[in-house]
Amino acid sequence: MKMLASEAAAGIGGRLVGPDVEFDGASFDTRSLAPGQLFVPIVAERNGHEFIGAAYDAGAALHLTSEPDDFLRSHTAIEVADTARALMQLAEVARRRSAATVVGVTGSVGKTSTKDLIAAACSTQRRTTANERSFNNEQGLPITILNAPDDAELLVLEMGMRGFGQITELCEVARPDIGVVTAVGHSHTELVGGIEGVARAKRELVEALPAAGTAVLNADDDRVAAMARHTGADVVTYGVGGEVRIADLVLDELARPRFVIHTPWGSAPVELAVSGEHMAGNAAAAIAVAGVAGVDLD
């Protein structure tokens, strides 16, 4: 998304240093930074401020900074108290400017595959952007929003969970219109006191949906299906027992699923090019999202 440095500074409460310049997207990794982007030095195991020079070598247009650096006099910068927090705030600014429908995807398993299948299904008729790999945390999600094209119609965002409140925080930035929950499993139980805690943490996505939104829930997972009671949004279920229903499922010699999908928008045969019976459920979730987004079933 293209933005002026002055607009960004005003939106995040930072101080602009140097000439006003336009940038298109952002990166916190100099290895993948594209020319014209904003560089965001994250302070973690390594202090990202050490790589500002490398960012300019890669073509950065400007940088955020939370400490004195050698580039303030020669380049454009936005001074902030905390670069990681400023990244989230800047994504909020970009989200308010975007007309895209945002799809949030979470779950103990299957969320990355489901995210990719949603993007594949919806991109047939909608200009669709999704996060790379599993960029699903407080760094990857805002970067995905900031790097979405200005004309994106659908933005698919995977959301990870490492404790209570994290998905809520991501939703405050992304403001999803559609929320998908794939499964509740035993991953990260140590962080939330057991599997019921995982369900509660994942439920934050459907709780954050607006009344005009849609929760897309796995009917074959009891803990996910129960989340329908915790949202004011519409609910569409998927799976063997869902409204978007898998029927006549078989696997070919390479374990690739073939099945018939029955939906509120019609029925159709489905053949997947990926292996694994579980992929049928992920594909059904993608078909459900595509249907909600107005993509033709064919």
Protein backbone atom coordinates (compact mmCIF):
# COMPACT_ATOMS: atom_id res chain seq x y z
CA MET A 1 0.00 0.00 0.00
CA LYS A 2 1.39 3.38 -0.99
CA MET A 3 1.60 6.07 1.68
CA LEU A 4 3.43 9.33 2.37
CA ALA A 5 5.87 9.43 5.26
CA SER A 6 3.98 12.40 6.69
CA GLU A 7 0.72 10.41 6.65
CA ALA A 8 2.40 7.49 8.38
CA ALA A 9 3.97 9.71 11.03
CA ALA A 10 0.67 11.40 11.78
CA GLY A 11 -1.16 8.07 11.94
CA ILE A 12 1.22 6.51 14.48
CA GLY A 13 2.08 9.63 16.48
CA GLY A 14 5.72 9.65 15.32
CA ARG A 15 8.04 12.52 14.42
CA LEU A 16 9.04 12.86 10.77
CA VAL A 17 12.72 13.61 10.23
CA GLY A 18 13.91 14.54 6.75
CA PRO A 19 12.00 15.12 3.52
CA ASP A 20 8.52 13.73 2.99
CA VAL A 21 8.74 10.67 0.72
CA GLU A 22 6.29 8.07 -0.56
CA PHE A 23 6.78 4.41 0.29
CA ASP A 24 5.02 1.27 -0.89
CA GLY A 25 4.87 -1.45 1.74
CA ALA A 26 7.19 -2.34 4.58
CA SER A 27 9.67 -4.97 5.74
CA PHE A 28 11.54 -5.86 8.90
CA ASP A 29 13.98 -8.12 7.02
CA THR A 30 16.64 -6.56 4.79
CA ARG A 31 16.97 -9.86 2.90
CA SER A 32 13.46 -9.56 1.49
CA LEU A 33 13.05 -5.78 1.49
CA ALA A 34 11.97 -4.37 -1.88
CA PRO A 35 13.11 -0.98 -3.19
CA GLY A 36 10.78 1.80 -2.07
CA GLN A 37 9.63 0.10 1.12
CA LEU A 38 9.71 1.29 4.72
CA PHE A 39 12.26 -0.53 6.89
CA VAL A 40 11.09 -1.40 10.39
CA PRO A 41 13.98 -2.31 12.73
CA ILE A 42 12.55 -4.71 15.31
CA VAL A 43 14.40 -4.96 18.61
CA ALA A 44 14.50 -8.66 19.56
CA GLU A 45 17.37 -11.16 19.86
CA ARG A 46 19.15 -8.82 17.46
CA ASN A 47 18.61 -5.08 17.37
CA GLY A 48 17.19 -4.27 13.96
CA HIS A 49 18.71 -0.80 14.11
CA GLU A 50 22.03 -2.50 13.28
CA PHE A 51 20.66 -3.27 9.80
CA ILE A 52 19.43 0.19 8.77
CA GLY A 53 22.43 0.63 6.50
CA ALA A 54 21.76 -2.69 4.81
CA ALA A 55 18.14 -1.64 4.34
CA TYR A 56 19.20 1.48 2.45
CA ASP A 57 21.63 -0.60 0.39
CA ALA A 58 18.58 -2.69 -0.59
CA GLY A 59 16.65 0.42 -1.64
CA ALA A 60 14.59 1.38 1.42
CA ALA A 61 12.76 4.71 1.09
CA LEU A 62 12.83 5.49 4.83
CA HIS A 63 12.99 3.82 8.20
CA LEU A 64 11.41 3.80 11.62
CA THR A 65 13.68 4.36 14.58
CA SER A 66 13.37 4.26 18.34
CA GLU A 67 16.96 5.20 19.14
CA PRO A 68 19.62 7.53 17.76
CA ASP A 69 21.16 6.22 14.55
CA ASP A 70 23.68 7.35 11.97
CA PHE A 71 21.09 7.76 9.20
CA LEU A 72 18.83 10.43 10.68
CA ARG A 73 20.72 13.28 9.03
CA SER A 74 20.97 11.74 5.57
CA HIS A 75 17.68 9.89 5.16
CA THR A 76 14.00 10.14 5.97
CA ALA A 77 12.97 8.55 9.25
CA ILE A 78 10.01 8.43 11.61
CA GLU A 79 10.99 8.55 15.26
CA VAL A 80 8.77 6.44 17.55
CA ALA A 81 8.97 5.09 21.08
CA ASP A 82 8.66 1.43 20.04
CA THR A 83 9.15 0.23 16.47
CA ALA A 84 7.20 -3.03 16.95
CA ARG A 85 4.20 -1.16 18.35
CA ALA A 86 4.48 1.44 15.59
CA LEU A 87 4.37 -1.34 12.99
CA MET A 88 1.03 -2.54 14.38
CA GLN A 89 -0.30 1.04 14.49
CA LEU A 90 0.76 1.66 10.91
CA ALA A 91 -1.07 -1.49 9.79
CA GLU A 92 -4.18 -0.12 11.52
CA VAL A 93 -3.84 3.02 9.41
CA ALA A 94 -3.49 0.94 6.24
CA ARG A 95 -6.46 -1.24 7.19
CA ARG A 96 -8.70 1.82 7.65
CA ARG A 97 -7.75 2.98 4.15
CA SER A 98 -8.39 -0.40 2.52
CA ALA A 99 -11.72 -1.45 1.03
CA ALA A 100 -10.67 -5.11 0.98
CA THR A 101 -12.69 -7.83 2.67
CA VAL A 102 -10.44 -9.34 5.36
CA VAL A 103 -10.50 -13.06 6.14
CA GLY A 104 -8.89 -14.17 9.40
CA VAL A 105 -7.87 -17.83 9.71
CA THR A 106 -6.88 -19.60 12.92
CA GLY A 107 -6.83 -23.12 14.32
CA SER A 108 -4.51 -25.57 16.04
CA VAL A 109 -3.88 -27.39 12.75
CA GLY A 110 -4.58 -26.70 9.10
CA LYS A 111 -4.60 -22.92 9.18
CA THR A 112 -1.71 -22.40 6.74
CA SER A 113 -3.07 -24.92 4.20
CA THR A 114 -6.56 -23.47 4.61
CA LYS A 115 -5.25 -19.94 4.15
CA ASP A 116 -3.51 -20.99 0.93
CA LEU A 117 -6.61 -22.80 -0.37
CA ILE A 118 -8.81 -19.78 0.42
CA ALA A 119 -6.44 -17.55 -1.53
CA ALA A 120 -6.42 -20.00 -4.44
CA ALA A 121 -10.21 -20.27 -4.55
CA CYS A 122 -10.94 -16.57 -4.18
CA SER A 123 -8.23 -15.35 -6.55
CA THR A 124 -10.16 -16.89 -9.45
CA GLN A 125 -12.54 -13.91 -9.32
CA ARG A 126 -11.21 -11.48 -6.69
CA ARG A 127 -7.91 -9.64 -6.44
CA THR A 128 -6.61 -11.59 -3.47
CA THR A 129 -3.58 -11.23 -1.20
CA ALA A 130 -2.52 -13.61 1.59
CA ASN A 131 0.32 -13.67 4.06
CA GLU A 132 3.46 -15.48 2.96
CA ARG A 133 4.31 -18.82 4.57
CA SER A 134 2.93 -18.60 8.12
CA PHE A 135 3.43 -14.87 8.76
CA ASN A 136 0.78 -14.99 11.45
CA ASN A 137 2.04 -12.98 14.42
CA GLU A 138 2.31 -9.34 15.50
CA GLN A 139 5.10 -8.78 12.97
CA GLY A 140 3.99 -10.87 10.00
CA LEU A 141 0.32 -9.84 10.02
CA PRO A 142 0.90 -6.06 9.86
CA ILE A 143 3.56 -6.52 7.19
CA THR A 144 1.03 -8.46 5.10
CA ILE A 145 -1.54 -5.68 5.46
CA LEU A 146 1.00 -2.99 4.55
CA ASN A 147 2.23 -4.95 1.53
CA ALA A 148 -1.23 -5.59 0.09
CA PRO A 149 -1.83 -3.83 -3.24
CA ASP A 150 -4.01 -0.74 -3.10
CA ASP A 151 -6.60 -2.49 -5.29
CA ALA A 152 -6.80 -5.72 -3.24
CA GLU A 153 -10.37 -6.97 -2.90
CA LEU A 154 -9.70 -9.81 -0.48
CA LEU A 155 -6.99 -10.07 2.17
CA VAL A 156 -6.44 -13.48 3.79
CA LEU A 157 -4.59 -13.35 7.11
CA GLU A 158 -3.46 -16.32 9.15
CA MET A 159 -3.56 -15.65 12.89
CA GLY A 160 -1.40 -17.55 15.36
CA MET A 161 -1.92 -17.90 19.09
CA ARG A 162 0.66 -18.03 21.86
CA GLY A 163 -1.66 -17.07 24.71
CA PHE A 164 -4.85 -15.31 25.67
CA GLY A 165 -5.40 -11.93 24.03
CA GLN A 166 -3.03 -12.38 21.10
CA ILE A 167 -5.72 -13.07 18.50
CA THR A 168 -7.78 -10.20 19.94
CA GLU A 169 -4.78 -7.91 19.43
CA LEU A 170 -4.34 -9.07 15.85
CA CYS A 171 -8.06 -8.58 15.20
CA GLU A 172 -7.92 -5.03 16.51
CA VAL A 173 -5.46 -4.31 13.69
CA ALA A 174 -6.94 -6.51 10.93
CA ARG A 175 -10.65 -6.01 11.69
CA PRO A 176 -11.67 -9.24 9.91
CA ASP A 177 -14.99 -9.48 8.09
CA ILE A 178 -14.84 -13.28 7.85
CA GLY A 179 -13.31 -15.52 10.50
CA VAL A 180 -12.34 -19.16 9.93
CA VAL A 181 -11.56 -21.60 12.74
CA THR A 182 -10.19 -24.96 11.55
CA ALA A 183 -9.65 -26.99 14.72
CA VAL A 184 -8.94 -26.94 18.43
CA GLY A 185 -6.06 -29.24 19.37
CA HIS A 186 -3.43 -29.75 22.03
CA SER A 187 -0.78 -27.38 20.63
CA HIS A 188 0.15 -24.57 23.05
CA THR A 189 -1.97 -26.03 25.85
CA GLU A 190 0.83 -25.20 28.28
CA LEU A 191 0.28 -21.50 27.60
CA VAL A 192 -3.47 -21.46 28.26
CA GLY A 193 -4.08 -24.16 30.86
CA GLY A 194 -5.29 -26.98 28.65
CA ILE A 195 -7.37 -27.66 25.58
CA GLU A 196 -10.35 -25.66 26.83
CA GLY A 197 -8.01 -22.70 27.09
CA VAL A 198 -6.97 -23.25 23.47
CA ALA A 199 -10.64 -23.15 22.47
CA ARG A 200 -11.17 -19.93 24.42
CA ALA A 201 -8.11 -18.30 22.84
CA LYS A 202 -9.08 -19.36 19.30
CA ARG A 203 -12.64 -18.15 19.96
CA GLU A 204 -11.32 -14.59 20.15
CA LEU A 205 -11.47 -14.48 16.34
CA VAL A 206 -15.21 -15.10 16.10
CA GLU A 207 -15.85 -12.82 19.07
CA ALA A 208 -14.14 -9.99 17.18
CA LEU A 209 -16.31 -10.27 14.05
CA PRO A 210 -18.81 -7.51 13.30
CA ALA A 211 -22.54 -8.26 13.16
CA ALA A 212 -22.35 -7.95 9.38
CA GLY A 213 -19.50 -10.50 9.25
CA THR A 214 -19.43 -14.27 8.94
CA ALA A 215 -17.86 -16.99 11.08
CA VAL A 216 -16.84 -20.08 9.09
CA LEU A 217 -16.61 -22.96 11.55
CA ASN A 218 -15.60 -26.61 11.35
CA ALA A 219 -18.77 -28.59 12.10
CA ASP A 220 -16.74 -31.76 12.70
CA ASP A 221 -14.86 -30.30 15.69
CA ASP A 222 -17.21 -29.94 18.66
CA ARG A 223 -15.19 -27.18 20.30
CA VAL A 224 -15.11 -25.17 17.07
CA ALA A 225 -18.80 -25.72 16.33
CA ALA A 226 -19.64 -24.45 19.84
CA MET A 227 -18.08 -21.09 18.97
CA ALA A 228 -21.25 -20.24 17.03
CA ARG A 229 -22.76 -19.23 20.39
CA HIS A 230 -20.06 -16.62 20.93
CA THR A 231 -20.45 -14.40 17.88
CA GLY A 232 -23.04 -11.90 16.68
CA ALA A 233 -21.99 -12.58 13.09
CA ASP A 234 -23.62 -14.99 10.67
CA VAL A 235 -22.32 -18.55 10.88
CA VAL A 236 -21.54 -20.98 8.05
CA THR A 237 -20.34 -24.45 9.00
CA TYR A 238 -18.29 -26.83 6.88
CA GLY A 239 -17.21 -30.46 6.96
CA VAL A 240 -18.91 -33.84 6.79
CA GLY A 241 -21.66 -32.44 9.02
CA GLY A 242 -21.63 -28.85 7.80
CA GLU A 243 -23.75 -26.61 5.64
CA VAL A 244 -20.86 -26.73 3.19
CA ARG A 245 -20.86 -30.52 3.23
CA ILE A 246 -18.31 -33.08 2.10
CA ALA A 247 -19.88 -36.22 0.58
CA ASP A 248 -18.64 -39.33 -1.22
CA LEU A 249 -15.04 -38.77 -0.17
CA VAL A 250 -12.43 -41.09 -1.70
CA LEU A 251 -8.65 -40.96 -2.03
CA ASP A 252 -6.81 -41.78 -5.24
CA GLU A 253 -3.57 -43.77 -5.48
CA LEU A 254 -1.61 -40.71 -4.28
CA ALA A 255 -4.02 -40.08 -1.38
CA ARG A 256 -5.48 -37.04 -3.12
CA PRO A 257 -9.08 -36.38 -2.04
CA ARG A 258 -11.99 -36.51 -4.44
CA PHE A 259 -15.45 -35.67 -3.18
CA VAL A 260 -18.70 -33.87 -3.85
CA ILE A 261 -19.31 -30.56 -2.10
CA HIS A 262 -22.86 -29.52 -1.27
CA THR A 263 -23.25 -25.84 -0.44
CA PRO A 264 -25.95 -23.18 -0.10
CA TRP A 265 -24.80 -22.04 -3.55
CA GLY A 266 -25.06 -25.41 -5.28
CA SER A 267 -23.15 -28.69 -5.53
CA ALA A 268 -20.03 -29.67 -7.45
CA PRO A 269 -17.37 -32.38 -7.71
CA VAL A 270 -13.98 -31.52 -6.22
CA GLU A 271 -10.57 -33.01 -7.05
CA LEU A 272 -7.54 -31.82 -5.11
CA ALA A 273 -3.94 -31.86 -6.28
CA VAL A 274 -2.63 -32.18 -2.71
CA SER A 275 -2.53 -35.40 -0.67
CA GLY A 276 -4.20 -36.18 2.63
CA GLU A 277 -7.76 -36.85 3.71
CA HIS A 278 -7.62 -33.82 6.01
CA MET A 279 -7.20 -31.59 2.98
CA ALA A 280 -10.84 -32.17 2.09
CA GLY A 281 -11.89 -30.27 5.21
CA ASN A 282 -9.45 -27.47 4.47
CA ALA A 283 -10.82 -27.24 0.93
CA ALA A 284 -14.39 -27.17 2.24
CA ALA A 285 -13.44 -24.21 4.45
CA ALA A 286 -11.99 -22.45 1.42
CA ILE A 287 -15.13 -23.13 -0.63
CA ALA A 288 -17.24 -21.76 2.23
CA VAL A 289 -15.22 -18.54 2.37
CA ALA A 290 -15.34 -18.18 -1.41
CA GLY A 291 -19.11 -18.60 -1.33
CA VAL A 292 -19.51 -15.98 1.39
CA ALA A 293 -17.27 -13.65 -0.63
CA GLY A 294 -19.46 -14.06 -3.71
CA VAL A 295 -17.11 -16.21 -5.78
CA ASP A 296 -18.92 -18.57 -8.17
CA LEU A 297 -18.86 -22.19 -7.02
CA ASP A 298 -17.48 -23.42 -10.35
